[in-house]
């Protein structure tokens, strides 16, 4: 079960990763 994630969960995980990356980019821009 764990090895095969439904496309729904996979897409949700990808979105969460993108959100985290965007937050990191905003933080780095604020530091500069």
Protein backbone atom coordinates (compact mmCIF):
# COMPACT_ATOMS: atom_id res chain seq x y z
CA UNK A 1 0.00 0.00 0.00
CA UNK A 2 2.68 2.48 0.99
CA UNK A 3 4.79 1.81 -2.10
CA UNK A 4 1.87 2.56 -4.43
CA UNK A 5 0.31 5.91 -3.69
CA UNK A 6 -2.88 6.92 -5.49
CA UNK A 7 -2.47 9.71 -8.01
CA UNK A 8 -4.62 11.88 -5.74
CA UNK A 9 -2.19 11.62 -2.83
CA UNK A 10 0.83 11.99 -5.11
CA UNK A 11 -0.50 15.18 -6.66
CA UNK A 12 -1.32 16.56 -3.21
CA UNK A 13 2.22 15.83 -2.04
CA UNK A 14 3.70 17.57 -5.09
CA UNK A 15 1.58 20.65 -4.39
CA UNK A 16 2.75 20.73 -0.77
CA UNK A 17 6.38 20.52 -1.91
CA UNK A 18 5.87 23.41 -4.33
CA UNK A 19 4.33 25.51 -1.56
CA UNK A 20 7.29 24.81 0.71
CA UNK A 21 9.74 25.71 -2.06
CA UNK A 22 7.91 28.98 -2.69
CA UNK A 23 8.10 29.80 1.03
CA UNK A 24 11.84 29.10 1.06
CA UNK A 25 12.32 31.36 -1.96
CA UNK A 26 10.43 34.18 -0.22
CA UNK A 27 12.57 33.75 2.90
CA UNK A 28 15.82 33.87 0.91
CA UNK A 29 14.64 37.00 -0.91
CA UNK A 30 13.79 38.67 2.40
CA UNK A 31 17.25 37.82 3.77
CA UNK A 32 18.93 39.42 0.77
